[in-house]
Amino acid sequence: MIKGKVKWFDHQMGYGYITDDRGRNILVYAKEVEWSERSELSKGQDVGFSVVQDQGELIAVNVVRCEKVAL
């Protein structure tokens, strides 16, 4: 699991970006957020996630609140 911070997230569009600890910008979709209150995803929030690559784009999956991340 990778740790990062939400760079920005547009709730109406259902996507945004997370910046990981290596400075990479990773696309995140609302459907990949693992808690029911997706509206809580906000700029600067610490999150944990996995990464997949799709057509050259890094995409965050299984996004959880940082306090739930087990390292």
N, C-alpha and C. Protein backbone atom coordinates (compact mmCIF):
# COMPACT_ATOMS: atom_id res chain seq x y z
N MET A 1 0.85 -1.18 0.00
CA MET A 1 0.00 0.00 0.00
C MET A 1 0.89 1.24 0.00
N ILE A 2 0.52 2.19 -0.82
CA ILE A 2 1.26 3.45 -0.97
C ILE A 2 0.52 4.54 -0.20
N LYS A 3 1.26 5.46 0.39
CA LYS A 3 0.64 6.60 1.06
C LYS A 3 0.77 7.85 0.20
N GLY A 4 -0.21 8.72 0.31
CA GLY A 4 -0.17 9.96 -0.44
C GLY A 4 -1.17 10.96 0.10
N LYS A 5 -1.28 12.10 -0.60
CA LYS A 5 -2.22 13.16 -0.22
C LYS A 5 -3.08 13.50 -1.42
N VAL A 6 -4.33 13.81 -1.13
CA VAL A 6 -5.23 14.24 -2.19
C VAL A 6 -4.76 15.61 -2.69
N LYS A 7 -4.48 15.70 -3.98
CA LYS A 7 -4.07 16.97 -4.59
C LYS A 7 -5.31 17.82 -4.86
N TRP A 8 -6.29 17.21 -5.49
CA TRP A 8 -7.61 17.83 -5.68
C TRP A 8 -8.59 16.74 -6.05
N PHE A 9 -9.86 17.01 -5.80
CA PHE A 9 -10.90 16.05 -6.15
C PHE A 9 -12.18 16.80 -6.45
N ASP A 10 -12.78 16.54 -7.62
CA ASP A 10 -14.03 17.17 -8.02
C ASP A 10 -15.16 16.17 -7.78
N HIS A 11 -15.98 16.45 -6.78
CA HIS A 11 -17.05 15.51 -6.40
C HIS A 11 -18.11 15.38 -7.49
N GLN A 12 -18.40 16.45 -8.21
CA GLN A 12 -19.41 16.38 -9.27
C GLN A 12 -18.92 15.54 -10.45
N MET A 13 -17.65 15.68 -10.79
CA MET A 13 -17.09 14.90 -11.90
C MET A 13 -16.71 13.49 -11.48
N GLY A 14 -16.44 13.28 -10.20
CA GLY A 14 -16.14 11.95 -9.69
C GLY A 14 -14.70 11.51 -9.86
N TYR A 15 -13.79 12.46 -9.99
CA TYR A 15 -12.37 12.10 -10.09
C TYR A 15 -11.49 13.24 -9.60
N GLY A 16 -10.20 12.93 -9.45
CA GLY A 16 -9.22 13.91 -9.04
C GLY A 16 -7.84 13.29 -9.09
N TYR A 17 -6.91 13.87 -8.32
CA TYR A 17 -5.54 13.35 -8.30
C TYR A 17 -5.02 13.25 -6.88
N ILE A 18 -4.20 12.25 -6.67
CA ILE A 18 -3.47 12.03 -5.43
C ILE A 18 -2.00 12.19 -5.78
N THR A 19 -1.23 12.81 -4.89
CA THR A 19 0.22 12.88 -5.06
C THR A 19 0.83 11.88 -4.09
N ASP A 20 1.62 10.95 -4.62
CA ASP A 20 2.23 9.94 -3.74
C ASP A 20 3.51 10.48 -3.11
N ASP A 21 4.15 9.67 -2.27
CA ASP A 21 5.34 10.11 -1.54
C ASP A 21 6.56 10.30 -2.45
N ARG A 22 6.46 9.89 -3.72
CA ARG A 22 7.54 10.12 -4.69
C ARG A 22 7.24 11.32 -5.59
N GLY A 23 6.12 12.00 -5.32
CA GLY A 23 5.76 13.19 -6.08
C GLY A 23 5.00 12.93 -7.37
N ARG A 24 4.61 11.68 -7.60
CA ARG A 24 3.85 11.36 -8.80
C ARG A 24 2.38 11.74 -8.62
N ASN A 25 1.76 12.26 -9.67
CA ASN A 25 0.33 12.55 -9.65
C ASN A 25 -0.41 11.34 -10.19
N ILE A 26 -1.34 10.83 -9.38
CA ILE A 26 -2.03 9.59 -9.71
C ILE A 26 -3.53 9.85 -9.76
N LEU A 27 -4.14 9.50 -10.86
CA LEU A 27 -5.57 9.69 -11.07
C LEU A 27 -6.36 8.83 -10.09
N VAL A 28 -7.44 9.40 -9.53
CA VAL A 28 -8.32 8.64 -8.64
C VAL A 28 -9.77 8.89 -9.04
N TYR A 29 -10.54 7.80 -9.11
CA TYR A 29 -11.96 7.87 -9.40
C TYR A 29 -12.75 7.60 -8.12
N ALA A 30 -13.91 8.23 -7.99
CA ALA A 30 -14.74 8.07 -6.79
C ALA A 30 -15.06 6.60 -6.52
N LYS A 31 -15.24 5.82 -7.56
CA LYS A 31 -15.60 4.40 -7.37
C LYS A 31 -14.50 3.61 -6.67
N GLU A 32 -13.28 4.14 -6.63
CA GLU A 32 -12.16 3.43 -5.99
C GLU A 32 -11.99 3.80 -4.51
N VAL A 33 -12.81 4.71 -4.01
CA VAL A 33 -12.74 5.11 -2.61
C VAL A 33 -13.48 4.08 -1.78
N GLU A 34 -12.81 3.54 -0.77
CA GLU A 34 -13.32 2.40 -0.01
C GLU A 34 -14.14 2.74 1.22
N TRP A 35 -14.67 3.95 1.33
CA TRP A 35 -15.57 4.25 2.43
C TRP A 35 -16.81 4.92 1.87
N SER A 36 -17.89 4.84 2.60
CA SER A 36 -19.19 5.26 2.06
C SER A 36 -19.31 6.76 1.85
N GLU A 37 -18.65 7.55 2.66
CA GLU A 37 -18.75 9.00 2.54
C GLU A 37 -17.68 9.54 1.60
N ARG A 38 -17.85 9.30 0.31
CA ARG A 38 -16.87 9.74 -0.68
C ARG A 38 -16.72 11.26 -0.69
N SER A 39 -17.74 11.96 -0.19
CA SER A 39 -17.68 13.42 -0.14
C SER A 39 -16.61 13.90 0.83
N GLU A 40 -16.09 12.99 1.67
CA GLU A 40 -15.03 13.35 2.61
C GLU A 40 -13.66 13.43 1.95
N LEU A 41 -13.53 12.99 0.72
CA LEU A 41 -12.25 13.05 0.02
C LEU A 41 -11.97 14.51 -0.33
N SER A 42 -10.96 15.08 0.31
CA SER A 42 -10.71 16.51 0.14
C SER A 42 -9.22 16.81 0.05
N LYS A 43 -8.91 17.96 -0.51
CA LYS A 43 -7.52 18.39 -0.72
C LYS A 43 -6.72 18.30 0.58
N GLY A 44 -5.52 17.71 0.46
CA GLY A 44 -4.62 17.59 1.60
C GLY A 44 -4.85 16.37 2.47
N GLN A 45 -5.92 15.62 2.23
CA GLN A 45 -6.23 14.45 3.04
C GLN A 45 -5.20 13.34 2.80
N ASP A 46 -4.76 12.70 3.87
CA ASP A 46 -3.84 11.57 3.77
C ASP A 46 -4.63 10.31 3.43
N VAL A 47 -4.15 9.58 2.43
CA VAL A 47 -4.81 8.35 2.01
C VAL A 47 -3.78 7.27 1.71
N GLY A 48 -4.24 6.04 1.71
CA GLY A 48 -3.44 4.91 1.30
C GLY A 48 -4.12 4.28 0.09
N PHE A 49 -3.35 3.68 -0.80
CA PHE A 49 -3.93 3.14 -2.03
C PHE A 49 -2.94 2.21 -2.72
N SER A 50 -3.43 1.49 -3.70
CA SER A 50 -2.60 0.71 -4.61
C SER A 50 -2.66 1.41 -5.96
N VAL A 51 -1.73 1.05 -6.85
CA VAL A 51 -1.66 1.70 -8.16
C VAL A 51 -1.71 0.65 -9.26
N VAL A 52 -2.50 0.96 -10.29
CA VAL A 52 -2.50 0.17 -11.52
C VAL A 52 -2.19 1.13 -12.66
N GLN A 53 -1.78 0.59 -13.78
CA GLN A 53 -1.49 1.42 -14.94
C GLN A 53 -2.44 1.03 -16.06
N ASP A 54 -3.07 2.04 -16.66
CA ASP A 54 -4.00 1.81 -17.76
C ASP A 54 -3.67 2.78 -18.88
N GLN A 55 -3.22 2.27 -20.00
CA GLN A 55 -2.85 3.07 -21.17
C GLN A 55 -1.88 4.19 -20.80
N GLY A 56 -0.91 3.86 -19.96
CA GLY A 56 0.14 4.81 -19.58
C GLY A 56 -0.21 5.70 -18.42
N GLU A 57 -1.45 5.68 -17.95
CA GLU A 57 -1.91 6.53 -16.84
C GLU A 57 -1.86 5.73 -15.54
N LEU A 58 -1.28 6.31 -14.48
CA LEU A 58 -1.30 5.68 -13.17
C LEU A 58 -2.65 5.99 -12.52
N ILE A 59 -3.29 4.93 -11.99
CA ILE A 59 -4.62 5.07 -11.40
C ILE A 59 -4.61 4.47 -10.00
N ALA A 60 -5.11 5.24 -9.04
CA ALA A 60 -5.22 4.77 -7.65
C ALA A 60 -6.44 3.86 -7.52
N VAL A 61 -6.25 2.73 -6.84
CA VAL A 61 -7.35 1.81 -6.57
C VAL A 61 -7.34 1.46 -5.09
N ASN A 62 -8.48 1.00 -4.59
CA ASN A 62 -8.61 0.60 -3.19
C ASN A 62 -8.15 1.71 -2.24
N VAL A 63 -8.64 2.91 -2.45
CA VAL A 63 -8.24 4.09 -1.68
C VAL A 63 -8.91 4.05 -0.30
N VAL A 64 -8.09 4.16 0.74
CA VAL A 64 -8.59 4.15 2.12
C VAL A 64 -8.06 5.36 2.88
N ARG A 65 -8.74 5.71 3.97
CA ARG A 65 -8.25 6.77 4.85
C ARG A 65 -6.94 6.32 5.44
N CYS A 66 -6.05 7.26 5.64
CA CYS A 66 -4.70 6.92 6.09
C CYS A 66 -4.69 6.19 7.41
N GLU A 67 -5.58 6.52 8.33
CA GLU A 67 -5.57 5.85 9.63
C GLU A 67 -5.86 4.37 9.51
N LYS A 68 -6.36 3.92 8.35
CA LYS A 68 -6.64 2.51 8.14
C LYS A 68 -5.51 1.80 7.40
N VAL A 69 -4.46 2.51 7.06
CA VAL A 69 -3.35 1.93 6.31
C VAL A 69 -2.44 1.16 7.25
N ALA A 70 -2.21 -0.09 6.97
CA ALA A 70 -1.29 -0.91 7.74
C ALA A 70 0.02 -1.02 6.97
N LEU A 71 1.09 -0.54 7.55
CA LEU A 71 2.38 -0.61 6.86
C LEU A 71 3.21 -1.74 7.39
